[in-house]
Amino acid sequence: MHLSTADVEHIAHLARLALTPEEVEQYRRQLSAILDYFETLKQVDTSAVPPTATVLPLRTVMRQDAVRPGLSTEDALANAPDREDGYFRVPAVFGED
């Protein structure tokens, strides 16, 4: 499928791109080549290939959750500039009632 210069200019307008005439011609050739490749792919018989979202096996990259000891309250508050009753004390955001 070959795109016309007007097609590329229209696409550039939709994408808010200011292209020079040389860039329009370059993109016309490149986009036409990409569309030609898709035409080639459309000829491949995929009737025996089931629809799938990915060809790779699904695996999680996250580690398993494991219960581990955390910081003690005293350690967590060790560098707090202000604390009260085992909590960080911060300025009120919505006002104090």
Foldseek 3Di string as FASTA:
>chain_A
DFDDLVRLVVVCVVVVHDDDPVVSVVVRVVVRVVVVVVVVVVPDDCVVPDDDPDPDDDDDPDDDDDDDDDDDLCVVCVPAPDDDPSGRDDDDDVDDD
